[in-house]
């Protein structure tokens, strides 16, 4: 990974880029999931009013998510921590989960593309 580089400034820049990409993509993924469910649900009520755990549970039931609430809870915790306190240790925590989150985000994207065509 990038920590093999000897340039500390480059390492910090790359880490910060991963963190910002995670935060942006997390918000985008949850918003798109909510919009998809709101457009397709017929019996569960208003997806716009769902709590986040319910949104993830229903998204999993619809086959839109690779992982369930347990994994998405980890993403949510990471997002909340980074939104309120930014530090090197917290940023490294996000970098550690970023590859797993990328898999989830790509899976959601593929499912959304399949469902909307």
PDB file of N, CA and C in Angstrom:
ATOM      1  N   UNK A   1       0.837  -1.173   0.000  1.00  0.00           N
ATOM      2  CA  UNK A   1       0.000   0.000   0.000  1.00  0.00           C
ATOM      3  C   UNK A   1       0.885   1.240   0.000  1.00  0.00           C
ATOM      4  N   UNK A   2       0.301   2.409   0.176  1.00  0.00           N
ATOM      5  CA  UNK A   2       1.081   3.635   0.056  1.00  0.00           C
ATOM      6  C   UNK A   2       2.060   3.858   1.197  1.00  0.00           C
ATOM      7  N   UNK A   3       1.899   3.184   2.346  1.00  0.00           N
ATOM      8  CA  UNK A   3       2.812   3.439   3.450  1.00  0.00           C
ATOM      9  C   UNK A   3       4.208   2.892   3.184  1.00  0.00           C
ATOM     10  N   UNK A   4       4.400   2.227   2.048  1.00  0.00           N
ATOM     11  CA  UNK A   4       5.730   1.780   1.647  1.00  0.00           C
ATOM     12  C   UNK A   4       6.562   2.945   1.126  1.00  0.00           C
ATOM     13  N   UNK A   5       5.888   4.049   0.790  1.00  0.00           N
ATOM     14  CA  UNK A   5       6.607   5.233   0.307  1.00  0.00           C
ATOM     15  C   UNK A   5       7.370   5.885   1.459  1.00  0.00           C
ATOM     16  N   UNK A   6       8.463   6.506   1.132  1.00  0.00           N
ATOM     17  CA  UNK A   6       9.269   7.191   2.150  1.00  0.00           C
ATOM     18  C   UNK A   6       8.863   8.652   2.304  1.00  0.00           C
ATOM     19  N   UNK A   7       8.016   9.139   1.430  1.00  0.00           N
ATOM     20  CA  UNK A   7       7.605  10.543   1.449  1.00  0.00           C
ATOM     21  C   UNK A   7       6.418  10.701   2.404  1.00  0.00           C
ATOM     22  N   UNK A   8       6.675  11.256   3.576  1.00  0.00           N
ATOM     23  CA  UNK A   8       5.614  11.403   4.576  1.00  0.00           C
ATOM     24  C   UNK A   8       4.470  12.280   4.095  1.00  0.00           C
ATOM     25  N   UNK A   9       4.783  13.343   3.363  1.00  0.00           N
ATOM     26  CA  UNK A   9       3.731  14.217   2.857  1.00  0.00           C
ATOM     27  C   UNK A   9       2.817  13.468   1.888  1.00  0.00           C
ATOM     28  N   UNK A  10       3.399  12.639   1.051  1.00  0.00           N
ATOM     29  CA  UNK A  10       2.606  11.853   0.111  1.00  0.00           C
ATOM     30  C   UNK A  10       1.737  10.843   0.856  1.00  0.00           C
ATOM     31  N   UNK A  11       2.281  10.221   1.861  1.00  0.00           N
ATOM     32  CA  UNK A  11       1.523   9.254   2.660  1.00  0.00           C
ATOM     33  C   UNK A  11       0.326   9.925   3.315  1.00  0.00           C
ATOM     34  N   UNK A  12       0.524  11.066   3.913  1.00  0.00           N
ATOM     35  CA  UNK A  12      -0.563  11.802   4.567  1.00  0.00           C
ATOM     36  C   UNK A  12      -1.603  12.220   3.532  1.00  0.00           C
ATOM     37  N   UNK A  13      -1.173  12.703   2.398  1.00  0.00           N
ATOM     38  CA  UNK A  13      -2.110  13.114   1.348  1.00  0.00           C
ATOM     39  C   UNK A  13      -2.933  11.938   0.841  1.00  0.00           C
ATOM     40  N   UNK A  14      -2.300  10.819   0.649  1.00  0.00           N
ATOM     41  CA  UNK A  14      -3.022   9.640   0.169  1.00  0.00           C
ATOM     42  C   UNK A  14      -4.000   9.139   1.228  1.00  0.00           C
ATOM     43  N   UNK A  15      -3.579   9.104   2.475  1.00  0.00           N
ATOM     44  CA  UNK A  15      -4.477   8.687   3.555  1.00  0.00           C
ATOM     45  C   UNK A  15      -5.687   9.610   3.633  1.00  0.00           C
ATOM     46  N   UNK A  16      -5.439  10.908   3.559  1.00  0.00           N
ATOM     47  CA  UNK A  16      -6.540  11.869   3.625  1.00  0.00           C
ATOM     48  C   UNK A  16      -7.479  11.726   2.432  1.00  0.00           C
ATOM     49  N   UNK A  17      -6.940  11.391   1.285  1.00  0.00           N
ATOM     50  CA  UNK A  17      -7.773  11.163   0.103  1.00  0.00           C
ATOM     51  C   UNK A  17      -8.671   9.953   0.288  1.00  0.00           C
ATOM     52  N   UNK A  18      -8.142   8.898   0.875  1.00  0.00           N
ATOM     53  CA  UNK A  18      -8.949   7.702   1.147  1.00  0.00           C
ATOM     54  C   UNK A  18     -10.067   8.052   2.117  1.00  0.00           C
ATOM     55  N   UNK A  19      -9.749   8.806   3.159  1.00  0.00           N
ATOM     56  CA  UNK A  19     -10.753   9.189   4.157  1.00  0.00           C
ATOM     57  C   UNK A  19     -11.855  10.021   3.508  1.00  0.00           C
ATOM     58  N   UNK A  20     -11.488  11.013   2.729  1.00  0.00           N
ATOM     59  CA  UNK A  20     -12.494  11.870   2.090  1.00  0.00           C
ATOM     60  C   UNK A  20     -13.333  11.081   1.093  1.00  0.00           C
ATOM     61  N   UNK A  21     -12.714  10.185   0.363  1.00  0.00           N
ATOM     62  CA  UNK A  21     -13.456   9.341  -0.579  1.00  0.00           C
ATOM     63  C   UNK A  21     -14.429   8.436   0.156  1.00  0.00           C
ATOM     64  N   UNK A  22     -13.994   7.875   1.282  1.00  0.00           N
ATOM     65  CA  UNK A  22     -14.877   7.047   2.096  1.00  0.00           C
ATOM     66  C   UNK A  22     -16.085   7.850   2.556  1.00  0.00           C
ATOM     67  N   UNK A  23     -15.854   9.030   3.115  1.00  0.00           N
ATOM     68  CA  UNK A  23     -16.956   9.840   3.637  1.00  0.00           C
ATOM     69  C   UNK A  23     -17.947  10.203   2.536  1.00  0.00           C
ATOM     70  N   UNK A  24     -17.433  10.626   1.395  1.00  0.00           N
ATOM     71  CA  UNK A  24     -18.299  11.004   0.276  1.00  0.00           C
ATOM     72  C   UNK A  24     -19.089   9.810  -0.228  1.00  0.00           C
ATOM     73  N   UNK A  25     -18.420   8.697  -0.428  1.00  0.00           N
ATOM     74  CA  UNK A  25     -19.071   7.507  -0.990  1.00  0.00           C
ATOM     75  C   UNK A  25     -20.058   6.903  -0.010  1.00  0.00           C
ATOM     76  N   UNK A  26     -19.757   6.944   1.264  1.00  0.00           N
ATOM     77  CA  UNK A  26     -20.689   6.454   2.280  1.00  0.00           C
ATOM     78  C   UNK A  26     -22.002   7.229   2.201  1.00  0.00           C
ATOM     79  N   UNK A  27     -21.912   8.546   2.163  1.00  0.00           N
ATOM     80  CA  UNK A  27     -23.125   9.368   2.096  1.00  0.00           C
ATOM     81  C   UNK A  27     -23.888   9.110   0.794  1.00  0.00           C
ATOM     82  N   UNK A  28     -23.164   9.009  -0.295  1.00  0.00           N
ATOM     83  CA  UNK A  28     -23.791   8.747  -1.586  1.00  0.00           C
ATOM     84  C   UNK A  28     -24.483   7.386  -1.596  1.00  0.00           C
ATOM     85  N   UNK A  29     -23.825   6.364  -1.069  1.00  0.00           N
ATOM     86  CA  UNK A  29     -24.393   5.017  -1.054  1.00  0.00           C
ATOM     87  C   UNK A  29     -25.668   4.968  -0.218  1.00  0.00           C
ATOM     88  N   UNK A  30     -25.637   5.560   0.965  1.00  0.00           N
ATOM     89  CA  UNK A  30     -26.836   5.516   1.808  1.00  0.00           C
ATOM     90  C   UNK A  30     -27.976   6.320   1.195  1.00  0.00           C
ATOM     91  N   UNK A  31     -27.674   7.426   0.557  1.00  0.00           N
ATOM     92  CA  UNK A  31     -28.706   8.232  -0.097  1.00  0.00           C
ATOM     93  C   UNK A  31     -29.312   7.490  -1.283  1.00  0.00           C
ATOM     94  N   UNK A  32     -28.461   6.876  -2.099  1.00  0.00           N
ATOM     95  CA  UNK A  32     -28.969   6.139  -3.258  1.00  0.00           C
ATOM     96  C   UNK A  32     -29.782   4.924  -2.843  1.00  0.00           C
ATOM     97  N   UNK A  33     -29.366   4.229  -1.794  1.00  0.00           N
ATOM     98  CA  UNK A  33     -30.137   3.095  -1.300  1.00  0.00           C
ATOM     99  C   UNK A  33     -31.516   3.560  -0.827  1.00  0.00           C
ATOM    100  N   UNK A  34     -31.550   4.637  -0.081  1.00  0.00           N
ATOM    101  CA  UNK A  34     -32.821   5.168   0.413  1.00  0.00           C
ATOM    102  C   UNK A  34     -33.731   5.548  -0.759  1.00  0.00           C
ATOM    103  N   UNK A  35     -33.189   6.233  -1.749  1.00  0.00           N
ATOM    104  CA  UNK A  35     -33.991   6.633  -2.915  1.00  0.00           C
ATOM    105  C   UNK A  35     -34.497   5.420  -3.689  1.00  0.00           C
ATOM    106  N   UNK A  36     -33.645   4.424  -3.849  1.00  0.00           N
ATOM    107  CA  UNK A  36     -34.066   3.217  -4.562  1.00  0.00           C
ATOM    108  C   UNK A  36     -35.222   2.546  -3.823  1.00  0.00           C
ATOM    109  N   UNK A  37     -35.075   2.368  -2.524  1.00  0.00           N
ATOM    110  CA  UNK A  37     -36.128   1.707  -1.760  1.00  0.00           C
ATOM    111  C   UNK A  37     -37.412   2.523  -1.772  1.00  0.00           C
ATOM    112  N   UNK A  38     -37.283   3.813  -1.697  1.00  0.00           N
ATOM    113  CA  UNK A  38     -38.467   4.658  -1.728  1.00  0.00           C
ATOM    114  C   UNK A  38     -39.201   4.515  -3.066  1.00  0.00           C
ATOM    115  N   UNK A  39     -38.459   4.344  -4.132  1.00  0.00           N
ATOM    116  CA  UNK A  39     -39.073   4.222  -5.452  1.00  0.00           C
ATOM    117  C   UNK A  39     -39.649   2.839  -5.715  1.00  0.00           C
ATOM    118  N   UNK A  40     -39.141   1.815  -5.029  1.00  0.00           N
ATOM    119  CA  UNK A  40     -39.549   0.450  -5.349  1.00  0.00           C
ATOM    120  C   UNK A  40     -40.389  -0.236  -4.287  1.00  0.00           C
ATOM    121  N   UNK A  41     -40.375   0.240  -3.082  1.00  0.00           N
ATOM    122  CA  UNK A  41     -41.105  -0.431  -2.009  1.00  0.00           C
ATOM    123  C   UNK A  41     -42.604  -0.264  -2.185  1.00  0.00           C
ATOM    124  N   UNK A  42     -43.321  -1.329  -1.884  1.00  0.00           N
ATOM    125  CA  UNK A  42     -44.770  -1.255  -1.983  1.00  0.00           C
ATOM    126  C   UNK A  42     -45.463  -1.520  -0.655  1.00  0.00           C
ATOM    127  N   UNK A  43     -44.835  -2.231   0.255  1.00  0.00           N
ATOM    128  CA  UNK A  43     -45.543  -2.624   1.477  1.00  0.00           C
ATOM    129  C   UNK A  43     -44.890  -2.157   2.767  1.00  0.00           C
ATOM    130  N   UNK A  44     -43.716  -1.619   2.748  1.00  0.00           N
ATOM    131  CA  UNK A  44     -42.994  -1.331   3.993  1.00  0.00           C
ATOM    132  C   UNK A  44     -43.160   0.102   4.497  1.00  0.00           C
ATOM    133  N   UNK A  45     -43.861   0.926   3.794  1.00  0.00           N
ATOM    134  CA  UNK A  45     -43.996   2.301   4.230  1.00  0.00           C
ATOM    135  C   UNK A  45     -42.972   3.190   3.562  1.00  0.00           C
ATOM    136  N   UNK A  46     -42.752   4.313   4.156  1.00  0.00           N
ATOM    137  CA  UNK A  46     -41.908   5.335   3.559  1.00  0.00           C
ATOM    138  C   UNK A  46     -40.439   5.119   3.901  1.00  0.00           C
ATOM    139  N   UNK A  47     -39.624   4.844   2.900  1.00  0.00           N
ATOM    140  CA  UNK A  47     -38.185   4.639   3.123  1.00  0.00           C
ATOM    141  C   UNK A  47     -37.520   5.914   3.611  1.00  0.00           C
ATOM    142  N   UNK A  48     -38.096   7.055   3.284  1.00  0.00           N
ATOM    143  CA  UNK A  48     -37.535   8.324   3.738  1.00  0.00           C
ATOM    144  C   UNK A  48     -37.601   8.496   5.241  1.00  0.00           C
ATOM    145  N   UNK A  49     -38.504   7.770   5.882  1.00  0.00           N
ATOM    146  CA  UNK A  49     -38.680   7.861   7.333  1.00  0.00           C
ATOM    147  C   UNK A  49     -37.961   6.749   8.094  1.00  0.00           C
ATOM    148  N   UNK A  50     -37.352   5.811   7.391  1.00  0.00           N
ATOM    149  CA  UNK A  50     -36.687   4.676   8.052  1.00  0.00           C
ATOM    150  C   UNK A  50     -35.463   5.125   8.824  1.00  0.00           C
ATOM    151  N   UNK A  51     -35.244   4.473   9.956  1.00  0.00           N
ATOM    152  CA  UNK A  51     -33.981   4.671  10.655  1.00  0.00           C
ATOM    153  C   UNK A  51     -32.883   4.020   9.807  1.00  0.00           C
ATOM    154  N   UNK A  52     -31.655   4.385  10.074  1.00  0.00           N
ATOM    155  CA  UNK A  52     -30.570   3.818   9.281  1.00  0.00           C
ATOM    156  C   UNK A  52     -30.474   2.298   9.427  1.00  0.00           C
ATOM    157  N   UNK A  53     -30.583   1.740  10.646  1.00  0.00           N
ATOM    158  CA  UNK A  53     -30.541   0.274  10.744  1.00  0.00           C
ATOM    159  C   UNK A  53     -31.651  -0.407   9.945  1.00  0.00           C
ATOM    160  N   UNK A  54     -32.837   0.170   9.963  1.00  0.00           N
ATOM    161  CA  UNK A  54     -33.944  -0.396   9.190  1.00  0.00           C
ATOM    162  C   UNK A  54     -33.661  -0.288   7.702  1.00  0.00           C
ATOM    163  N   UNK A  55     -33.121   0.841   7.275  1.00  0.00           N
ATOM    164  CA  UNK A  55     -32.765   1.022   5.864  1.00  0.00           C
ATOM    165  C   UNK A  55     -31.803  -0.073   5.408  1.00  0.00           C
ATOM    166  N   UNK A  56     -30.797  -0.349   6.204  1.00  0.00           N
ATOM    167  CA  UNK A  56     -29.809  -1.367   5.837  1.00  0.00           C
ATOM    168  C   UNK A  56     -30.441  -2.759   5.870  1.00  0.00           C
ATOM    169  N   UNK A  57     -31.263  -3.033   6.861  1.00  0.00           N
ATOM    170  CA  UNK A  57     -31.927  -4.337   6.940  1.00  0.00           C
ATOM    171  C   UNK A  57     -32.830  -4.564   5.728  1.00  0.00           C
ATOM    172  N   UNK A  58     -33.621  -3.569   5.372  1.00  0.00           N
ATOM    173  CA  UNK A  58     -34.515  -3.706   4.220  1.00  0.00           C
ATOM    174  C   UNK A  58     -33.706  -3.777   2.927  1.00  0.00           C
ATOM    175  N   UNK A  59     -32.652  -2.977   2.831  1.00  0.00           N
ATOM    176  CA  UNK A  59     -31.781  -3.051   1.655  1.00  0.00           C
ATOM    177  C   UNK A  59     -31.180  -4.431   1.493  1.00  0.00           C
ATOM    178  N   UNK A  60     -30.813  -5.056   2.604  1.00  0.00           N
ATOM    179  CA  UNK A  60     -30.292  -6.426   2.561  1.00  0.00           C
ATOM    180  C   UNK A  60     -31.372  -7.403   2.112  1.00  0.00           C
ATOM    181  N   UNK A  61     -32.585  -7.227   2.636  1.00  0.00           N
ATOM    182  CA  UNK A  61     -33.692  -8.095   2.232  1.00  0.00           C
ATOM    183  C   UNK A  61     -33.982  -7.990   0.743  1.00  0.00           C
ATOM    184  N   UNK A  62     -33.817  -6.823   0.184  1.00  0.00           N
ATOM    185  CA  UNK A  62     -34.028  -6.606  -1.248  1.00  0.00           C
ATOM    186  C   UNK A  62     -32.836  -7.068  -2.084  1.00  0.00           C
ATOM    187  N   UNK A  63     -31.784  -7.550  -1.436  1.00  0.00           N
ATOM    188  CA  UNK A  63     -30.611  -8.040  -2.157  1.00  0.00           C
ATOM    189  C   UNK A  63     -29.726  -6.944  -2.717  1.00  0.00           C
ATOM    190  N   UNK A  64     -29.827  -5.765  -2.150  1.00  0.00           N
ATOM    191  CA  UNK A  64     -29.062  -4.627  -2.660  1.00  0.00           C
ATOM    192  C   UNK A  64     -27.695  -4.480  -1.994  1.00  0.00           C
ATOM    193  N   UNK A  65     -27.495  -5.157  -0.874  1.00  0.00           N
ATOM    194  CA  UNK A  65     -26.263  -4.988  -0.106  1.00  0.00           C
ATOM    195  C   UNK A  65     -25.507  -6.299   0.012  1.00  0.00           C
ATOM    196  N   UNK A  66     -24.218  -6.195  -0.056  1.00  0.00           N
ATOM    197  CA  UNK A  66     -23.341  -7.353   0.081  1.00  0.00           C
ATOM    198  C   UNK A  66     -23.302  -7.835   1.527  1.00  0.00           C
ATOM    199  N   UNK A  67     -23.255  -6.892   2.466  1.00  0.00           N
ATOM    200  CA  UNK A  67     -23.187  -7.221   3.887  1.00  0.00           C
ATOM    201  C   UNK A  67     -24.382  -6.638   4.622  1.00  0.00           C
ATOM    202  N   UNK A  68     -24.611  -7.134   5.831  1.00  0.00           N
ATOM    203  CA  UNK A  68     -25.773  -6.727   6.611  1.00  0.00           C
ATOM    204  C   UNK A  68     -25.421  -5.584   7.570  1.00  0.00           C
ATOM    205  N   UNK A  69     -26.321  -5.365   8.515  1.00  0.00           N
ATOM    206  CA  UNK A  69     -26.196  -4.262   9.455  1.00  0.00           C
ATOM    207  C   UNK A  69     -24.906  -4.316  10.271  1.00  0.00           C
ATOM    208  N   UNK A  70     -24.435  -5.479  10.627  1.00  0.00           N
ATOM    209  CA  UNK A  70     -23.224  -5.574  11.443  1.00  0.00           C
ATOM    210  C   UNK A  70     -22.059  -4.853  10.759  1.00  0.00           C
ATOM    211  N   UNK A  71     -21.856  -5.124   9.480  1.00  0.00           N
ATOM    212  CA  UNK A  71     -20.762  -4.474   8.752  1.00  0.00           C
ATOM    213  C   UNK A  71     -21.055  -2.996   8.508  1.00  0.00           C
ATOM    214  N   UNK A  72     -22.279  -2.680   8.136  1.00  0.00           N
ATOM    215  CA  UNK A  72     -22.642  -1.275   7.877  1.00  0.00           C
ATOM    216  C   UNK A  72     -22.595  -0.444   9.159  1.00  0.00           C
ATOM    217  N   UNK A  73     -22.808  -1.072  10.292  1.00  0.00           N
ATOM    218  CA  UNK A  73     -22.674  -0.366  11.563  1.00  0.00           C
ATOM    219  C   UNK A  73     -21.226   0.086  11.756  1.00  0.00           C
ATOM    220  N   UNK A  74     -20.281  -0.756  11.357  1.00  0.00           N
ATOM    221  CA  UNK A  74     -18.864  -0.377  11.438  1.00  0.00           C
ATOM    222  C   UNK A  74     -18.570   0.827  10.546  1.00  0.00           C
ATOM    223  N   UNK A  75     -19.122   0.804   9.339  1.00  0.00           N
ATOM    224  CA  UNK A  75     -18.948   1.949   8.444  1.00  0.00           C
ATOM    225  C   UNK A  75     -19.555   3.211   9.051  1.00  0.00           C
ATOM    226  N   UNK A  76     -20.738   3.054   9.617  1.00  0.00           N
ATOM    227  CA  UNK A  76     -21.424   4.206  10.209  1.00  0.00           C
ATOM    228  C   UNK A  76     -20.621   4.778  11.376  1.00  0.00           C
ATOM    229  N   UNK A  77     -20.086   3.901  12.226  1.00  0.00           N
ATOM    230  CA  UNK A  77     -19.252   4.367  13.333  1.00  0.00           C
ATOM    231  C   UNK A  77     -18.048   5.138  12.809  1.00  0.00           C
ATOM    232  N   UNK A  78     -17.396   4.609  11.785  1.00  0.00           N
ATOM    233  CA  UNK A  78     -16.223   5.273  11.214  1.00  0.00           C
ATOM    234  C   UNK A  78     -16.596   6.635  10.655  1.00  0.00           C
ATOM    235  N   UNK A  79     -17.725   6.706   9.983  1.00  0.00           N
ATOM    236  CA  UNK A  79     -18.187   7.984   9.428  1.00  0.00           C
ATOM    237  C   UNK A  79     -18.480   8.979  10.533  1.00  0.00           C
ATOM    238  N   UNK A  80     -19.156   8.532  11.575  1.00  0.00           N
ATOM    239  CA  UNK A  80     -19.500   9.435  12.673  1.00  0.00           C
ATOM    240  C   UNK A  80     -18.260   9.957  13.386  1.00  0.00           C
ATOM    241  N   UNK A  81     -17.313   9.075  13.630  1.00  0.00           N
ATOM    242  CA  UNK A  81     -16.078   9.493  14.300  1.00  0.00           C
ATOM    243  C   UNK A  81     -15.333  10.514  13.450  1.00  0.00           C
ATOM    244  N   UNK A  82     -15.221  10.252  12.159  1.00  0.00           N
ATOM    245  CA  UNK A  82     -14.475  11.167  11.279  1.00  0.00           C
ATOM    246  C   UNK A  82     -15.200  12.493  11.101  1.00  0.00           C
ATOM    247  N   UNK A  83     -16.511  12.489  11.229  1.00  0.00           N
ATOM    248  CA  UNK A  83     -17.267  13.730  11.085  1.00  0.00           C
ATOM    249  C   UNK A  83     -17.084  14.651  12.291  1.00  0.00           C
ATOM    250  N   UNK A  84     -16.726  14.087  13.437  1.00  0.00           N
ATOM    251  CA  UNK A  84     -16.655  14.881  14.663  1.00  0.00           C
ATOM    252  C   UNK A  84     -15.238  15.087  15.192  1.00  0.00           C
ATOM    253  N   UNK A  85     -14.378  14.126  14.980  1.00  0.00           N
ATOM    254  CA  UNK A  85     -12.994  14.264  15.452  1.00  0.00           C
ATOM    255  C   UNK A  85     -12.059  13.706  14.409  1.00  0.00           C
ATOM    256  N   UNK A  86     -11.237  14.559  13.848  1.00  0.00           N
ATOM    257  CA  UNK A  86     -10.290  14.095  12.847  1.00  0.00           C
ATOM    258  C   UNK A  86      -8.918  14.006  13.497  1.00  0.00           C
ATOM    259  N   UNK A  87      -8.335  12.834  13.431  1.00  0.00           N
ATOM    260  CA  UNK A  87      -6.989  12.633  13.947  1.00  0.00           C
ATOM    261  C   UNK A  87      -6.333  11.507  13.173  1.00  0.00           C
ATOM    262  N   UNK A  88      -5.044  11.412  13.311  1.00  0.00           N
ATOM    263  CA  UNK A  88      -4.296  10.406  12.556  1.00  0.00           C
ATOM    264  C   UNK A  88      -4.763   8.987  12.876  1.00  0.00           C
ATOM    265  N   UNK A  89      -4.994   8.700  14.150  1.00  0.00           N
ATOM    266  CA  UNK A  89      -5.425   7.352  14.522  1.00  0.00           C
ATOM    267  C   UNK A  89      -6.798   7.033  13.924  1.00  0.00           C
ATOM    268  N   UNK A  90      -7.708   7.994  14.001  1.00  0.00           N
ATOM    269  CA  UNK A  90      -9.051   7.794  13.433  1.00  0.00           C
ATOM    270  C   UNK A  90      -8.978   7.635  11.920  1.00  0.00           C
ATOM    271  N   UNK A  91      -8.149   8.435  11.290  1.00  0.00           N
ATOM    272  CA  UNK A  91      -7.993   8.337   9.835  1.00  0.00           C
ATOM    273  C   UNK A  91      -7.449   6.962   9.452  1.00  0.00           C
ATOM    274  N   UNK A  92      -6.521   6.450  10.217  1.00  0.00           N
ATOM    275  CA  UNK A  92      -5.972   5.119   9.939  1.00  0.00           C
ATOM    276  C   UNK A  92      -7.032   4.027  10.122  1.00  0.00           C
ATOM    277  N   UNK A  93      -7.954   4.234  11.069  1.00  0.00           N
ATOM    278  CA  UNK A  93      -9.055   3.283  11.240  1.00  0.00           C
ATOM    279  C   UNK A  93      -9.934   3.240   9.994  1.00  0.00           C
ATOM    280  N   UNK A  94     -10.212   4.403   9.431  1.00  0.00           N
ATOM    281  CA  UNK A  94     -11.020   4.464   8.206  1.00  0.00           C
ATOM    282  C   UNK A  94     -10.277   3.805   7.049  1.00  0.00           C
ATOM    283  N   UNK A  95      -8.997   4.074   6.942  1.00  0.00           N
ATOM    284  CA  UNK A  95      -8.199   3.465   5.872  1.00  0.00           C
ATOM    285  C   UNK A  95      -8.238   1.940   5.980  1.00  0.00           C
ATOM    286  N   UNK A  96      -8.267   1.436   7.200  1.00  0.00           N
ATOM    287  CA  UNK A  96      -8.288  -0.021   7.395  1.00  0.00           C
ATOM    288  C   UNK A  96      -9.591  -0.651   6.904  1.00  0.00           C
ATOM    289  N   UNK A  97     -10.719   0.057   7.028  1.00  0.00           N
ATOM    290  CA  UNK A  97     -11.987  -0.525   6.579  1.00  0.00           C
ATOM    291  C   UNK A  97     -12.342  -0.134   5.150  1.00  0.00           C
ATOM    292  N   UNK A  98     -11.604   0.782   4.566  1.00  0.00           N
ATOM    293  CA  UNK A  98     -11.921   1.274   3.220  1.00  0.00           C
ATOM    294  C   UNK A  98     -11.991   0.165   2.161  1.00  0.00           C
ATOM    295  N   UNK A  99     -11.095  -0.812   2.145  1.00  0.00           N
ATOM    296  CA  UNK A  99     -11.210  -1.863   1.119  1.00  0.00           C
ATOM    297  C   UNK A  99     -12.508  -2.671   1.227  1.00  0.00           C
ATOM    298  N   UNK A 100     -12.942  -2.966   2.463  1.00  0.00           N
ATOM    299  CA  UNK A 100     -14.216  -3.672   2.641  1.00  0.00           C
ATOM    300  C   UNK A 100     -15.374  -2.810   2.182  1.00  0.00           C
ATOM    301  N   UNK A 101     -15.320  -1.529   2.544  1.00  0.00           N
ATOM    302  CA  UNK A 101     -16.393  -0.632   2.137  1.00  0.00           C
ATOM    303  C   UNK A 101     -16.442  -0.499   0.622  1.00  0.00           C
ATOM    304  N   UNK A 102     -15.298  -0.481  -0.027  1.00  0.00           N
ATOM    305  CA  UNK A 102     -15.261  -0.409  -1.489  1.00  0.00           C
ATOM    306  C   UNK A 102     -16.018  -1.579  -2.106  1.00  0.00           C
ATOM    307  N   UNK A 103     -15.837  -2.772  -1.558  1.00  0.00           N
ATOM    308  CA  UNK A 103     -16.581  -3.940  -2.052  1.00  0.00           C
ATOM    309  C   UNK A 103     -18.084  -3.734  -1.909  1.00  0.00           C
ATOM    310  N   UNK A 104     -18.500  -3.216  -0.759  1.00  0.00           N
ATOM    311  CA  UNK A 104     -19.917  -2.973  -0.530  1.00  0.00           C
ATOM    312  C   UNK A 104     -20.463  -1.893  -1.461  1.00  0.00           C
ATOM    313  N   UNK A 105     -19.714  -0.828  -1.632  1.00  0.00           N
ATOM    314  CA  UNK A 105     -20.161   0.258  -2.508  1.00  0.00           C
ATOM    315  C   UNK A 105     -20.255  -0.207  -3.958  1.00  0.00           C
ATOM    316  N   UNK A 106     -19.277  -0.978  -4.406  1.00  0.00           N
ATOM    317  CA  UNK A 106     -19.316  -1.498  -5.784  1.00  0.00           C
ATOM    318  C   UNK A 106     -20.483  -2.462  -5.973  1.00  0.00           C
ATOM    319  N   UNK A 107     -20.758  -3.292  -4.976  1.00  0.00           N
ATOM    320  CA  UNK A 107     -21.883  -4.222  -5.062  1.00  0.00           C
ATOM    321  C   UNK A 107     -23.198  -3.446  -5.159  1.00  0.00           C
ATOM    322  N   UNK A 108     -23.367  -2.449  -4.315  1.00  0.00           N
ATOM    323  CA  UNK A 108     -24.585  -1.632  -4.361  1.00  0.00           C
ATOM    324  C   UNK A 108     -24.722  -0.960  -5.722  1.00  0.00           C
ATOM    325  N   UNK A 109     -23.643  -0.412  -6.223  1.00  0.00           N
ATOM    326  CA  UNK A 109     -23.680   0.242  -7.539  1.00  0.00           C
ATOM    327  C   UNK A 109     -24.132  -0.735  -8.625  1.00  0.00           C
ATOM    328  N   UNK A 110     -23.553  -1.927  -8.635  1.00  0.00           N
ATOM    329  CA  UNK A 110     -23.937  -2.928  -9.641  1.00  0.00           C
ATOM    330  C   UNK A 110     -25.397  -3.309  -9.516  1.00  0.00           C
ATOM    331  N   UNK A 111     -25.861  -3.499  -8.285  1.00  0.00           N
ATOM    332  CA  UNK A 111     -27.273  -3.855  -8.076  1.00  0.00           C
ATOM    333  C   UNK A 111     -28.201  -2.734  -8.510  1.00  0.00           C
ATOM    334  N   UNK A 112     -27.839  -1.499  -8.217  1.00  0.00           N
ATOM    335  CA  UNK A 112     -28.647  -0.369  -8.645  1.00  0.00           C
ATOM    336  C   UNK A 112     -28.718  -0.285 -10.164  1.00  0.00           C
ATOM    337  N   UNK A 113     -27.588  -0.532 -10.815  1.00  0.00           N
ATOM    338  CA  UNK A 113     -27.568  -0.497 -12.281  1.00  0.00           C
ATOM    339  C   UNK A 113     -28.438  -1.615 -12.855  1.00  0.00           C
ATOM    340  N   UNK A 114     -28.377  -2.796 -12.259  1.00  0.00           N
ATOM    341  CA  UNK A 114     -29.202  -3.911 -12.728  1.00  0.00           C
ATOM    342  C   UNK A 114     -30.685  -3.611 -12.553  1.00  0.00           C
ATOM    343  N   UNK A 115     -31.034  -3.040 -11.439  1.00  0.00           N
ATOM    344  CA  UNK A 115     -32.441  -2.795 -11.112  1.00  0.00           C
ATOM    345  C   UNK A 115     -33.041  -1.627 -11.890  1.00  0.00           C
ATOM    346  N   UNK A 116     -32.214  -0.727 -12.337  1.00  0.00           N
ATOM    347  CA  UNK A 116     -32.744   0.465 -13.014  1.00  0.00           C
ATOM    348  C   UNK A 116     -32.678   0.378 -14.532  1.00  0.00           C
ATOM    349  N   UNK A 117     -32.266  -0.760 -15.049  1.00  0.00           N
ATOM    350  CA  UNK A 117     -32.201  -0.888 -16.509  1.00  0.00           C
ATOM    351  C   UNK A 117     -33.394  -1.628 -17.045  1.00  0.00           C
TER     352      UNK A 117
END
